[in-house]
Structure formats: structure tokens, C-alpha cells
Amino acid sequence: MSNVKYYYDSETLTYRPIKRDTKRLAKNTFVFLFAAAMFGFITILIAEHYFESPREKALNRELQNLDLQYDLLNKKMTEAEAVLANVEDRDNGIYRLYFEANPIPEEQRKQGFGGVNRYKKYEGFNNSELIISANKRIDILQKRIIIQSKSLDEITALAKDKEKFLARIPAIQPIKNEDLTRMASGYGYRSDPFTKVRKFHYGMDFTAPRGTPVYASGDGVVKRADGRASGYGRHIRIDHGYGYVSLYAHLYKYNVRKGQKVKRGDLIGYVGSTGRSQAPHLHYEVSINKKRINPVNFYYGNLSTEEFNRLLSIASIENQSLD
């Protein structure tokens, strides 16, 4: 027996069967299903926007770990570049200079690789630029290490027969640390003590009491020991050969004479304040082939690493010279 529903007709006072409206039923069904589908679609969109799936969480953790690893790699490369730059500076400014080898140009040390695109395989990814940049830095760093290694091999070969040469290099501080009051001024632009004008100071000023011993910084022959050079007062010049000359100015008195041979560490004079000097001190210069260079690069012979670093820091301060 079919399930027929009735309604009460008040006009006829009888029950009449309810006739089904198939079209209306289909329409209502369609509206319901459409609304349910839209609700489900919107729910999925909201869930995707505000909630992570387990796979997305795993991928995000992996990306965060990669970012951390890249930051660590970047810091390590920066540290390695700084250490290598220091070695390169010493190589060009000291070692190659000592052995009369031409310095290696910076552009040669740090240039990249021309020709074929070495990083094409890294293109097309989300982080391609980051990956390519890191690989370029590593490749250039490796190339710099190879160049530096070859340079040190060259220096080693040059050093085999340079024992005499090394003895002549002005390689010690001309005043002992225990005798120093302070290192007053370094090589570079400084304020003139008399005119207060900023000008280039071609040596290093070591403050010490009058009469403090001054020592030869390398083997050589006394080229001058007189007071006839303008501004230097009583001074000594030692010819070390190989184009090197050291100068010791504003002396109180000499302990050597012109033409005398001296050894590194020999007592050659005493600190004074003669010539264009504001106070007792030693003005010390080093030149090669008549070009005055920074003496701070030549104190490897009698200073520890800590003492050298401290001296380097003080010498870099732009203050007032004493002459």
C-alpha cells in the first residue's frame, strides 16, 4: 500500500490526497545539493587558507630548516672570506713584497668565471637566485684559495735562498716595548702638531724618554748619521740592500758612524727631540726603492701576535703626530 498523504479541505469538509509536484521537488533537491556543494567548497578554501595539512607542515618545517642551514652556510662563507682576505693582504703587503714578487691584483683573485653558464642547472626553481648566489661565492672562494696556495708555493721557492735577504729586512720594532711610553702616531694622514693642518705622516712615532736606546731593525750599512736633513734633526739612515732603507729621526745622539756595518738589534742611537719635534720620540720610516711604505708591516721579528694586533689598532687611529 502506497504512502499517500492527505489534507483537509474546509470547503468540502472532506480529506483530499496531496498530489506531489515533481518539478518543485527536483528544484528543491537541486538547490539543496548546490548549496551543500558551495558550502563544502568554501569550507575547503577556508581550511586551506587557515589550516595546514600534515604534508604542508612537513614541507614548511623542511623549508625552515633549509633557511637555517643557508644562514649558517652564509655566515661560514663570510668568516672564511674574511680570513682569506687577511692572508691575501699579508701575502701582497708583506710576503710578496719581501721577495720582490709582483702583488696579485685583487680583480684577479676575486674574479668569477666567464664563458659557459656554470649555473644553468640551478635555474627554474623557487630559490634559484639564492642557490646560484651561494654557488658563485663558493666557486670564487675556492678559486681564491687555489691562487693563494700557488702564491705561497712561489714564496716558498723564493725563500730558499733568501736567508741573507731576510736578515737585512727591517723586521723589528726599533724601540723595545718595555722602553716605550706609548706608540704616539702611525703611518697615514695625521694632524700636524705645529700647523694643525691634516697632512700625510710617512712614518711611525714612538714616544719614549730622552736617551732611550734605538736599535737597527735589520742588517745593513749606515748611509747617513747627521743632522743635515730638513725637519729630521739628528737622524740615521741604514741601507739594507734590495732597495730597503730605514730612517731613525730626532735622535739625542748617535752610537754609529757613516759607512759602519750593523746587524739587526745593534744599538745605533738614543731617543731625543732634535729637529722639527714637539716632544722626545723616535720617528721611524721604511722605504723601498725610494718609496716610503707603512713600517707596521715589518714588525714580525720581535712582536707577538697580540702585541702586533694592539700596535696595528693604535697605529690606525688618525690623531696628531709629534713631528
C-alpha atoms as a PDB file:
ATOM      1  CA  MET A   1       0.000   0.000   0.000  1.00  0.00           C
ATOM      2  CA  SER A   2       1.423   3.316  -1.090  1.00  0.00           C
ATOM      3  CA  ASN A   3       2.187   6.001   1.455  1.00  0.00           C
ATOM      4  CA  VAL A   4      -0.416   8.638   0.471  1.00  0.00           C
ATOM      5  CA  LYS A   5      -0.689  11.889   2.425  1.00  0.00           C
ATOM      6  CA  TYR A   6      -3.977  13.827   2.784  1.00  0.00           C
ATOM      7  CA  TYR A   7      -5.042  17.338   3.628  1.00  0.00           C
ATOM      8  CA  TYR A   8      -8.425  18.578   4.972  1.00  0.00           C
ATOM      9  CA  ASP A   9     -10.477  20.639   2.537  1.00  0.00           C
ATOM     10  CA  SER A  10     -12.584  23.039   4.606  1.00  0.00           C
ATOM     11  CA  GLU A  11     -14.866  23.895   1.703  1.00  0.00           C
ATOM     12  CA  THR A  12     -15.980  20.338   1.013  1.00  0.00           C
ATOM     13  CA  LEU A  13     -15.412  19.188   4.562  1.00  0.00           C
ATOM     14  CA  THR A  14     -13.524  16.177   3.262  1.00  0.00           C
ATOM     15  CA  TYR A  15      -9.980  14.825   3.163  1.00  0.00           C
ATOM     16  CA  ARG A  16      -8.279  15.016  -0.181  1.00  0.00           C
ATOM     17  CA  PRO A  17      -4.999  13.302  -1.211  1.00  0.00           C
ATOM     18  CA  ILE A  18      -1.892  15.540  -1.609  1.00  0.00           C
ATOM     19  CA  LYS A  19      -0.617  15.479  -5.156  1.00  0.00           C
ATOM     20  CA  ARG A  20       3.213  15.535  -5.459  1.00  0.00           C
ATOM     21  CA  ASP A  21       4.838  18.374  -7.509  1.00  0.00           C
ATOM     22  CA  THR A  22       7.725  16.548  -9.202  1.00  0.00           C
ATOM     23  CA  LYS A  23       9.228  19.700 -10.740  1.00  0.00           C
ATOM     24  CA  ARG A  24       9.170  21.555  -7.476  1.00  0.00           C
ATOM     25  CA  LEU A  25      10.740  18.578  -5.700  1.00  0.00           C
ATOM     26  CA  ALA A  26      13.531  18.388  -8.311  1.00  0.00           C
ATOM     27  CA  LYS A  27      14.111  22.109  -7.992  1.00  0.00           C
ATOM     28  CA  ASN A  28      14.342  21.946  -4.220  1.00  0.00           C
ATOM     29  CA  THR A  29      16.673  18.978  -4.438  1.00  0.00           C
ATOM     30  CA  PHE A  30      18.942  20.806  -6.877  1.00  0.00           C
ATOM     31  CA  VAL A  31      19.022  23.935  -4.686  1.00  0.00           C
ATOM     32  CA  PHE A  32      19.897  21.805  -1.646  1.00  0.00           C
ATOM     33  CA  LEU A  33      22.682  19.933  -3.427  1.00  0.00           C
ATOM     34  CA  PHE A  34      24.078  23.154  -4.917  1.00  0.00           C
ATOM     35  CA  ALA A  35      24.078  24.869  -1.513  1.00  0.00           C
ATOM     36  CA  ALA A  36      25.775  21.839   0.056  1.00  0.00           C
ATOM     37  CA  ALA A  37      28.464  21.816  -2.679  1.00  0.00           C
ATOM     38  CA  MET A  38      29.114  25.561  -2.265  1.00  0.00           C
ATOM     39  CA  PHE A  39      29.316  25.166   1.494  1.00  0.00           C
ATOM     40  CA  GLY A  40      31.796  22.324   1.118  1.00  0.00           C
ATOM     41  CA  PHE A  41      33.884  24.287  -1.406  1.00  0.00           C
ATOM     42  CA  ILE A  42      34.021  27.370   0.821  1.00  0.00           C
ATOM     43  CA  THR A  43      34.879  25.195   3.811  1.00  0.00           C
ATOM     44  CA  ILE A  44      37.792  23.652   1.890  1.00  0.00           C
ATOM     45  CA  LEU A  45      39.067  27.091   0.841  1.00  0.00           C
ATOM     46  CA  ILE A  46      38.944  28.363   4.409  1.00  0.00           C
ATOM     47  CA  ALA A  47      40.662  25.239   5.678  1.00  0.00           C
ATOM     48  CA  GLU A  48      43.425  25.538   3.079  1.00  0.00           C
ATOM     49  CA  HIS A  49      43.940  29.198   3.947  1.00  0.00           C
ATOM     50  CA  TYR A  50      43.933  28.960   7.725  1.00  0.00           C
ATOM     51  CA  PHE A  51      44.932  25.367   8.424  1.00  0.00           C
ATOM     52  CA  GLU A  52      47.936  23.314   7.272  1.00  0.00           C
ATOM     53  CA  SER A  53      47.753  19.753   6.186  1.00  0.00           C
ATOM     54  CA  PRO A  54      50.299  17.295   7.639  1.00  0.00           C
ATOM     55  CA  ARG A  55      52.166  17.377   4.320  1.00  0.00           C
ATOM     56  CA  GLU A  56      52.227  21.174   4.296  1.00  0.00           C
ATOM     57  CA  LYS A  57      53.502  21.228   7.868  1.00  0.00           C
ATOM     58  CA  ALA A  58      56.303  18.819   6.925  1.00  0.00           C
ATOM     59  CA  LEU A  59      57.225  20.902   3.861  1.00  0.00           C
ATOM     60  CA  ASN A  60      57.224  24.144   5.886  1.00  0.00           C
ATOM     61  CA  ARG A  61      59.474  22.562   8.508  1.00  0.00           C
ATOM     62  CA  GLU A  62      61.817  21.458   5.740  1.00  0.00           C
ATOM     63  CA  LEU A  63      61.872  24.979   4.263  1.00  0.00           C
ATOM     64  CA  GLN A  64      62.603  26.499   7.675  1.00  0.00           C
ATOM     65  CA  ASN A  65      65.449  24.034   8.153  1.00  0.00           C
ATOM     66  CA  LEU A  66      66.839  24.915   4.711  1.00  0.00           C
ATOM     67  CA  ASP A  67      66.668  28.633   5.551  1.00  0.00           C
ATOM     68  CA  LEU A  68      68.552  27.965   8.791  1.00  0.00           C
ATOM     69  CA  GLN A  69      71.182  25.879   7.003  1.00  0.00           C
ATOM     70  CA  TYR A  70      71.623  28.619   4.376  1.00  0.00           C
ATOM     71  CA  ASP A  71      72.084  31.270   7.059  1.00  0.00           C
ATOM     72  CA  LEU A  72      74.739  29.116   8.744  1.00  0.00           C
ATOM     73  CA  LEU A  73      76.454  28.498   5.397  1.00  0.00           C
ATOM     74  CA  ASN A  74      76.353  32.211   4.622  1.00  0.00           C
ATOM     75  CA  LYS A  75      77.975  33.062   7.973  1.00  0.00           C
ATOM     76  CA  LYS A  76      80.681  30.421   7.477  1.00  0.00           C
ATOM     77  CA  MET A  77      81.435  31.737   3.971  1.00  0.00           C
ATOM     78  CA  THR A  78      81.643  35.304   5.310  1.00  0.00           C
ATOM     79  CA  GLU A  79      84.082  34.181   8.024  1.00  0.00           C
ATOM     80  CA  ALA A  80      86.161  32.211   5.501  1.00  0.00           C
ATOM     81  CA  GLU A  81      86.243  35.211   3.137  1.00  0.00           C
ATOM     82  CA  ALA A  82      87.445  37.480   5.968  1.00  0.00           C
ATOM     83  CA  VAL A  83      90.225  35.072   7.000  1.00  0.00           C
ATOM     84  CA  LEU A  84      91.318  34.581   3.393  1.00  0.00           C
ATOM     85  CA  ALA A  85      91.255  38.355   2.763  1.00  0.00           C
ATOM     86  CA  ASN A  86      93.631  38.818   5.716  1.00  0.00           C
ATOM     87  CA  VAL A  87      96.001  36.175   4.308  1.00  0.00           C
ATOM     88  CA  GLU A  88      95.829  37.819   0.867  1.00  0.00           C
ATOM     89  CA  ASP A  89      96.632  41.247   2.341  1.00  0.00           C
ATOM     90  CA  ARG A  90      99.649  39.829   4.151  1.00  0.00           C
ATOM     91  CA  ASP A  91     100.688  37.963   1.011  1.00  0.00           C
ATOM     92  CA  ASN A  92     100.609  41.106  -1.135  1.00  0.00           C
ATOM     93  CA  GLY A  93     101.748  43.595   1.516  1.00  0.00           C
ATOM     94  CA  ILE A  94     104.456  41.573   3.217  1.00  0.00           C
ATOM     95  CA  TYR A  95     105.459  38.212   1.762  1.00  0.00           C
ATOM     96  CA  ARG A  96     105.456  39.069  -1.942  1.00  0.00           C
ATOM     97  CA  LEU A  97     106.904  42.490  -1.162  1.00  0.00           C
ATOM     98  CA  TYR A  98     109.731  40.916   0.819  1.00  0.00           C
ATOM     99  CA  PHE A  99     110.668  38.677  -2.055  1.00  0.00           C
ATOM    100  CA  GLU A 100     110.270  41.347  -4.739  1.00  0.00           C
ATOM    101  CA  ALA A 101     107.410  39.455  -6.360  1.00  0.00           C
ATOM    102  CA  ASN A 102     104.637  41.412  -8.034  1.00  0.00           C
ATOM    103  CA  PRO A 103     101.457  41.600  -5.910  1.00  0.00           C
ATOM    104  CA  ILE A 104      98.493  39.626  -7.277  1.00  0.00           C
ATOM    105  CA  PRO A 105      95.771  42.108  -8.357  1.00  0.00           C
ATOM    106  CA  GLU A 106      92.539  41.962  -6.382  1.00  0.00           C
ATOM    107  CA  GLU A 107      90.463  41.615  -9.545  1.00  0.00           C
ATOM    108  CA  GLN A 108      92.477  38.500 -10.451  1.00  0.00           C
ATOM    109  CA  ARG A 109      91.924  36.975  -7.003  1.00  0.00           C
ATOM    110  CA  LYS A 110      88.167  37.655  -6.881  1.00  0.00           C
ATOM    111  CA  GLN A 111      87.046  37.430 -10.486  1.00  0.00           C
ATOM    112  CA  GLY A 112      84.301  34.966 -11.415  1.00  0.00           C
ATOM    113  CA  PHE A 113      84.119  32.526 -14.305  1.00  0.00           C
ATOM    114  CA  GLY A 114      83.333  33.693 -17.845  1.00  0.00           C
ATOM    115  CA  GLY A 115      82.145  31.775 -20.858  1.00  0.00           C
ATOM    116  CA  VAL A 116      79.644  28.954 -20.344  1.00  0.00           C
ATOM    117  CA  ASN A 117      76.849  29.468 -17.815  1.00  0.00           C
ATOM    118  CA  ARG A 118      78.040  27.210 -14.988  1.00  0.00           C
ATOM    119  CA  TYR A 119      74.799  27.649 -13.030  1.00  0.00           C
ATOM    120  CA  LYS A 120      72.162  26.867 -15.666  1.00  0.00           C
ATOM    121  CA  LYS A 121      71.185  23.666 -13.857  1.00  0.00           C
ATOM    122  CA  TYR A 122      70.081  25.729 -10.847  1.00  0.00           C
ATOM    123  CA  GLU A 123      67.651  27.875 -12.856  1.00  0.00           C
ATOM    124  CA  GLY A 124      63.871  27.414 -12.787  1.00  0.00           C
ATOM    125  CA  PHE A 125      63.469  26.736  -9.061  1.00  0.00           C
ATOM    126  CA  ASN A 126      61.696  28.882  -6.465  1.00  0.00           C
ATOM    127  CA  ASN A 127      65.011  29.788  -4.820  1.00  0.00           C
ATOM    128  CA  SER A 128      67.186  29.754  -7.943  1.00  0.00           C
ATOM    129  CA  GLU A 129      68.677  33.190  -7.261  1.00  0.00           C
ATOM    130  CA  LEU A 130      69.664  32.175  -3.734  1.00  0.00           C
ATOM    131  CA  ILE A 131      71.162  28.860  -4.881  1.00  0.00           C
ATOM    132  CA  ILE A 132      73.122  30.465  -7.741  1.00  0.00           C
ATOM    133  CA  SER A 133      74.443  33.242  -5.475  1.00  0.00           C
ATOM    134  CA  ALA A 134      75.697  30.732  -2.877  1.00  0.00           C
ATOM    135  CA  ASN A 135      77.382  28.568  -5.533  1.00  0.00           C
ATOM    136  CA  LYS A 136      79.092  31.596  -7.077  1.00  0.00           C
ATOM    137  CA  ARG A 137      80.507  32.604  -3.689  1.00  0.00           C
ATOM    138  CA  ILE A 138      81.784  29.088  -3.034  1.00  0.00           C
ATOM    139  CA  ASP A 139      83.373  28.843  -6.506  1.00  0.00           C
ATOM    140  CA  ILE A 140      85.108  32.230  -6.147  1.00  0.00           C
ATOM    141  CA  LEU A 141      86.273  31.309  -2.639  1.00  0.00           C
ATOM    142  CA  GLN A 142      87.740  28.040  -3.932  1.00  0.00           C
ATOM    143  CA  LYS A 143      89.490  29.889  -6.762  1.00  0.00           C
ATOM    144  CA  ARG A 144      90.948  32.432  -4.317  1.00  0.00           C
ATOM    145  CA  ILE A 145      92.260  29.599  -2.136  1.00  0.00           C
ATOM    146  CA  ILE A 146      93.915  27.952  -5.163  1.00  0.00           C
ATOM    147  CA  ILE A 147      95.514  31.264  -6.220  1.00  0.00           C
ATOM    148  CA  GLN A 148      96.734  31.882  -2.659  1.00  0.00           C
ATOM    149  CA  SER A 149      98.125  28.352  -2.412  1.00  0.00           C
ATOM    150  CA  LYS A 150     100.095  28.829  -5.643  1.00  0.00           C
ATOM    151  CA  SER A 151     101.351  32.205  -4.401  1.00  0.00           C
ATOM    152  CA  LEU A 152     102.628  30.650  -1.178  1.00  0.00           C
ATOM    153  CA  ASP A 153     104.343  27.928  -3.215  1.00  0.00           C
ATOM    154  CA  GLU A 154     106.070  30.685  -5.174  1.00  0.00           C
ATOM    155  CA  ILE A 155     107.082  32.485  -1.967  1.00  0.00           C
ATOM    156  CA  THR A 156     108.457  29.218  -0.553  1.00  0.00           C
ATOM    157  CA  ALA A 157     110.627  28.767  -3.639  1.00  0.00           C
ATOM    158  CA  LEU A 158     111.887  32.354  -3.403  1.00  0.00           C
ATOM    159  CA  ALA A 159     112.642  31.972   0.323  1.00  0.00           C
ATOM    160  CA  LYS A 160     115.003  29.011  -0.051  1.00  0.00           C
ATOM    161  CA  ASP A 161     117.979  31.212  -0.954  1.00  0.00           C
ATOM    162  CA  LYS A 162     116.883  34.344   0.891  1.00  0.00           C
ATOM    163  CA  GLU A 163     118.396  33.876   4.330  1.00  0.00           C
ATOM    164  CA  LYS A 164     120.700  36.811   3.775  1.00  0.00           C
ATOM    165  CA  PHE A 165     117.860  38.837   2.366  1.00  0.00           C
ATOM    166  CA  LEU A 166     115.645  38.106   5.393  1.00  0.00           C
ATOM    167  CA  ALA A 167     118.407  39.176   7.772  1.00  0.00           C
ATOM    168  CA  ARG A 168     118.551  42.548   6.014  1.00  0.00           C
ATOM    169  CA  ILE A 169     114.830  43.272   6.024  1.00  0.00           C
ATOM    170  CA  PRO A 170     113.938  45.921   8.666  1.00  0.00           C
ATOM    171  CA  ALA A 171     111.838  43.420  10.601  1.00  0.00           C
ATOM    172  CA  ILE A 172     111.870  44.501  14.255  1.00  0.00           C
ATOM    173  CA  GLN A 173     110.495  47.429  16.203  1.00  0.00           C
ATOM    174  CA  PRO A 174     113.389  49.909  16.716  1.00  0.00           C
ATOM    175  CA  ILE A 175     112.491  50.524  20.379  1.00  0.00           C
ATOM    176  CA  LYS A 176     111.781  47.740  22.853  1.00  0.00           C
ATOM    177  CA  ASN A 177     108.237  47.596  24.205  1.00  0.00           C
ATOM    178  CA  GLU A 178     109.411  47.882  27.795  1.00  0.00           C
ATOM    179  CA  ASP A 179     111.121  51.192  26.945  1.00  0.00           C
ATOM    180  CA  LEU A 180     108.068  52.702  25.237  1.00  0.00           C
ATOM    181  CA  THR A 181     105.840  55.307  26.857  1.00  0.00           C
ATOM    182  CA  ARG A 182     103.363  54.808  24.008  1.00  0.00           C
ATOM    183  CA  MET A 183     103.060  54.470  20.233  1.00  0.00           C
ATOM    184  CA  ALA A 184     102.062  58.061  19.519  1.00  0.00           C
ATOM    185  CA  SER A 185     101.226  58.122  15.831  1.00  0.00           C
ATOM    186  CA  GLY A 186     101.102  55.812  12.830  1.00  0.00           C
ATOM    187  CA  TYR A 187     101.507  55.954   9.063  1.00  0.00           C
ATOM    188  CA  GLY A 188      98.851  57.940   7.193  1.00  0.00           C
ATOM    189  CA  TYR A 189      97.048  61.249   7.385  1.00  0.00           C
ATOM    190  CA  ARG A 190      97.603  62.983  10.742  1.00  0.00           C
ATOM    191  CA  SER A 191      97.235  66.438  12.249  1.00  0.00           C
ATOM    192  CA  ASP A 192     100.483  68.445  12.137  1.00  0.00           C
ATOM    193  CA  PRO A 193     101.495  69.403  15.731  1.00  0.00           C
ATOM    194  CA  PHE A 194     102.644  72.870  14.675  1.00  0.00           C
ATOM    195  CA  THR A 195     100.256  73.975  11.904  1.00  0.00           C
ATOM    196  CA  LYS A 196      97.307  71.714  12.921  1.00  0.00           C
ATOM    197  CA  VAL A 197      96.852  71.042   9.188  1.00  0.00           C
ATOM    198  CA  ARG A 198      95.957  67.481   8.135  1.00  0.00           C
ATOM    199  CA  LYS A 199      98.864  66.041   6.148  1.00  0.00           C
ATOM    200  CA  PHE A 200     100.397  62.668   5.361  1.00  0.00           C
ATOM    201  CA  HIS A 201     102.690  61.220   8.025  1.00  0.00           C
ATOM    202  CA  TYR A 202     105.198  58.867   6.368  1.00  0.00           C
ATOM    203  CA  GLY A 203     106.440  57.049   9.441  1.00  0.00           C
ATOM    204  CA  MET A 204     105.616  55.939  12.981  1.00  0.00           C
ATOM    205  CA  ASP A 205     106.241  57.965  16.139  1.00  0.00           C
ATOM    206  CA  PHE A 206     107.333  56.052  19.244  1.00  0.00           C
ATOM    207  CA  THR A 207     107.162  58.129  22.442  1.00  0.00           C
ATOM    208  CA  ALA A 208     109.981  57.355  24.883  1.00  0.00           C
ATOM    209  CA  PRO A 209     112.144  59.304  27.346  1.00  0.00           C
ATOM    210  CA  ARG A 210     115.231  61.083  26.079  1.00  0.00           C
ATOM    211  CA  GLY A 211     118.177  58.700  26.000  1.00  0.00           C
ATOM    212  CA  THR A 212     116.090  55.551  25.340  1.00  0.00           C
ATOM    213  CA  PRO A 213     118.136  53.089  23.183  1.00  0.00           C
ATOM    214  CA  VAL A 214     117.292  52.809  19.486  1.00  0.00           C
ATOM    215  CA  TYR A 215     118.151  49.583  17.637  1.00  0.00           C
ATOM    216  CA  ALA A 216     118.806  48.754  13.983  1.00  0.00           C
ATOM    217  CA  SER A 217     115.780  46.953  12.547  1.00  0.00           C
ATOM    218  CA  GLY A 218     117.858  44.919  10.070  1.00  0.00           C
ATOM    219  CA  ASP A 219     121.382  44.205   8.814  1.00  0.00           C
ATOM    220  CA  GLY A 220     122.898  46.926   6.643  1.00  0.00           C
ATOM    221  CA  VAL A 221     125.302  49.816   6.248  1.00  0.00           C
ATOM    222  CA  VAL A 222     124.885  53.240   7.858  1.00  0.00           C
ATOM    223  CA  LYS A 223     124.223  55.559   4.949  1.00  0.00           C
ATOM    224  CA  ARG A 224     123.866  58.750   6.982  1.00  0.00           C
ATOM    225  CA  ALA A 225     124.338  59.805  10.607  1.00  0.00           C
ATOM    226  CA  ASP A 226     123.950  63.574  10.687  1.00  0.00           C
ATOM    227  CA  GLY A 227     121.529  66.450  11.222  1.00  0.00           C
ATOM    228  CA  ARG A 228     121.550  67.974   7.765  1.00  0.00           C
ATOM    229  CA  ALA A 229     118.098  66.766   6.576  1.00  0.00           C
ATOM    230  CA  SER A 230     115.289  69.296   6.986  1.00  0.00           C
ATOM    231  CA  GLY A 231     112.957  68.510   9.879  1.00  0.00           C
ATOM    232  CA  TYR A 232     114.551  65.204  10.937  1.00  0.00           C
ATOM    233  CA  GLY A 233     117.174  66.698  13.252  1.00  0.00           C
ATOM    234  CA  ARG A 234     119.857  64.207  14.175  1.00  0.00           C
ATOM    235  CA  HIS A 235     118.989  61.082  12.283  1.00  0.00           C
ATOM    236  CA  ILE A 236     120.393  57.803  10.961  1.00  0.00           C
ATOM    237  CA  ARG A 237     119.674  56.088   7.653  1.00  0.00           C
ATOM    238  CA  ILE A 238     120.575  52.430   7.167  1.00  0.00           C
ATOM    239  CA  ASP A 239     120.828  50.922   3.688  1.00  0.00           C
ATOM    240  CA  HIS A 240     119.701  47.296   3.976  1.00  0.00           C
ATOM    241  CA  GLY A 241     120.182  46.460   0.303  1.00  0.00           C
ATOM    242  CA  TYR A 242     117.489  45.144  -2.029  1.00  0.00           C
ATOM    243  CA  GLY A 243     116.136  48.713  -2.218  1.00  0.00           C
ATOM    244  CA  TYR A 244     115.282  48.908   1.524  1.00  0.00           C
ATOM    245  CA  VAL A 245     116.289  51.895   3.685  1.00  0.00           C
ATOM    246  CA  SER A 246     115.251  52.593   7.286  1.00  0.00           C
ATOM    247  CA  LEU A 247     115.348  56.040   8.924  1.00  0.00           C
ATOM    248  CA  TYR A 248     115.561  56.955  12.628  1.00  0.00           C
ATOM    249  CA  ALA A 249     114.943  60.659  13.332  1.00  0.00           C
ATOM    250  CA  HIS A 250     115.039  63.270  16.165  1.00  0.00           C
ATOM    251  CA  LEU A 251     117.863  61.441  17.956  1.00  0.00           C
ATOM    252  CA  TYR A 252     119.642  62.740  21.031  1.00  0.00           C
ATOM    253  CA  LYS A 253     122.968  61.230  19.934  1.00  0.00           C
ATOM    254  CA  TYR A 254     124.480  58.523  17.715  1.00  0.00           C
ATOM    255  CA  ASN A 255     126.177  55.255  18.512  1.00  0.00           C
ATOM    256  CA  VAL A 256     127.292  54.574  14.909  1.00  0.00           C
ATOM    257  CA  ARG A 257     129.032  56.457  12.113  1.00  0.00           C
ATOM    258  CA  LYS A 258     128.570  56.707   8.375  1.00  0.00           C
ATOM    259  CA  GLY A 259     129.801  53.624   6.494  1.00  0.00           C
ATOM    260  CA  GLN A 260     129.589  51.347   9.549  1.00  0.00           C
ATOM    261  CA  LYS A 261     128.088  47.868   9.111  1.00  0.00           C
ATOM    262  CA  VAL A 262     125.384  46.982  11.592  1.00  0.00           C
ATOM    263  CA  LYS A 263     123.395  43.880  12.474  1.00  0.00           C
ATOM    264  CA  ARG A 264     119.722  43.660  13.362  1.00  0.00           C
ATOM    265  CA  GLY A 265     119.343  44.581  17.039  1.00  0.00           C
ATOM    266  CA  ASP A 266     122.580  46.626  17.266  1.00  0.00           C
ATOM    267  CA  LEU A 267     122.370  49.809  19.367  1.00  0.00           C
ATOM    268  CA  ILE A 268     122.637  52.711  16.896  1.00  0.00           C
ATOM    269  CA  GLY A 269     121.496  55.796  18.855  1.00  0.00           C
ATOM    270  CA  TYR A 270     119.280  57.319  21.525  1.00  0.00           C
ATOM    271  CA  VAL A 271     115.865  58.962  21.526  1.00  0.00           C
ATOM    272  CA  GLY A 272     115.817  62.748  21.515  1.00  0.00           C
ATOM    273  CA  SER A 273     113.753  65.708  20.301  1.00  0.00           C
ATOM    274  CA  THR A 274     116.033  67.373  17.739  1.00  0.00           C
ATOM    275  CA  GLY A 275     114.774  68.953  14.540  1.00  0.00           C
ATOM    276  CA  ARG A 276     111.065  69.568  13.965  1.00  0.00           C
ATOM    277  CA  SER A 277     109.837  67.695  17.035  1.00  0.00           C
ATOM    278  CA  GLN A 278     107.255  68.507  19.687  1.00  0.00           C
ATOM    279  CA  ALA A 279     108.495  66.082  22.360  1.00  0.00           C
ATOM    280  CA  PRO A 280     111.080  63.301  22.824  1.00  0.00           C
ATOM    281  CA  HIS A 281     110.225  60.474  20.458  1.00  0.00           C
ATOM    282  CA  LEU A 282     111.603  58.355  17.625  1.00  0.00           C
ATOM    283  CA  HIS A 283     110.248  58.981  14.131  1.00  0.00           C
ATOM    284  CA  TYR A 284     110.807  55.764  12.175  1.00  0.00           C
ATOM    285  CA  GLU A 285     110.414  55.241   8.420  1.00  0.00           C
ATOM    286  CA  VAL A 286     110.896  52.357   5.991  1.00  0.00           C
ATOM    287  CA  SER A 287     111.243  52.840   2.239  1.00  0.00           C
ATOM    288  CA  ILE A 288     111.773  50.522  -0.716  1.00  0.00           C
ATOM    289  CA  ASN A 289     113.169  51.834  -3.971  1.00  0.00           C
ATOM    290  CA  LYS A 290     112.803  55.382  -2.535  1.00  0.00           C
ATOM    291  CA  LYS A 291     109.073  54.912  -1.872  1.00  0.00           C
ATOM    292  CA  ARG A 292     108.093  55.236   1.777  1.00  0.00           C
ATOM    293  CA  ILE A 293     105.804  52.446   2.990  1.00  0.00           C
ATOM    294  CA  ASN A 294     103.989  51.596   6.213  1.00  0.00           C
ATOM    295  CA  PRO A 295     106.544  50.314   8.778  1.00  0.00           C
ATOM    296  CA  VAL A 296     103.852  48.432  10.720  1.00  0.00           C
ATOM    297  CA  ASN A 297     104.098  45.597   8.168  1.00  0.00           C
ATOM    298  CA  PHE A 298     107.689  44.874   9.242  1.00  0.00           C
ATOM    299  CA  TYR A 299     107.434  44.044  12.951  1.00  0.00           C
ATOM    300  CA  TYR A 300     107.120  40.282  12.690  1.00  0.00           C
ATOM    301  CA  GLY A 301     110.612  39.796  14.158  1.00  0.00           C
ATOM    302  CA  ASN A 302     110.090  40.827  17.790  1.00  0.00           C
ATOM    303  CA  LEU A 303     106.360  41.181  18.466  1.00  0.00           C
ATOM    304  CA  SER A 304     103.854  38.533  19.463  1.00  0.00           C
ATOM    305  CA  THR A 305     100.541  38.267  17.627  1.00  0.00           C
ATOM    306  CA  GLU A 306      98.754  40.067  20.486  1.00  0.00           C
ATOM    307  CA  GLU A 307     101.363  42.860  20.578  1.00  0.00           C
ATOM    308  CA  PHE A 308     101.245  43.265  16.801  1.00  0.00           C
ATOM    309  CA  ASN A 309      97.426  43.435  16.726  1.00  0.00           C
ATOM    310  CA  ARG A 310      97.443  46.020  19.525  1.00  0.00           C
ATOM    311  CA  LEU A 311     100.075  48.086  17.705  1.00  0.00           C
ATOM    312  CA  LEU A 312      98.131  47.829  14.455  1.00  0.00           C
ATOM    313  CA  SER A 313      94.971  49.077  16.183  1.00  0.00           C
ATOM    314  CA  ILE A 314      96.740  52.069  17.744  1.00  0.00           C
ATOM    315  CA  ALA A 315      98.586  52.941  14.516  1.00  0.00           C
ATOM    316  CA  SER A 316      95.322  53.099  12.567  1.00  0.00           C
ATOM    317  CA  ILE A 317      93.920  55.916  14.745  1.00  0.00           C
ATOM    318  CA  GLU A 318      94.050  59.280  12.963  1.00  0.00           C
ATOM    319  CA  ASN A 319      95.469  61.543  15.678  1.00  0.00           C
ATOM    320  CA  GLN A 320      98.213  64.187  15.935  1.00  0.00           C
ATOM    321  CA  SER A 321     101.800  63.323  15.038  1.00  0.00           C
ATOM    322  CA  LEU A 322     104.775  64.587  17.058  1.00  0.00           C
ATOM    323  CA  ASP A 323     106.760  65.939  14.065  1.00  0.00           C
END
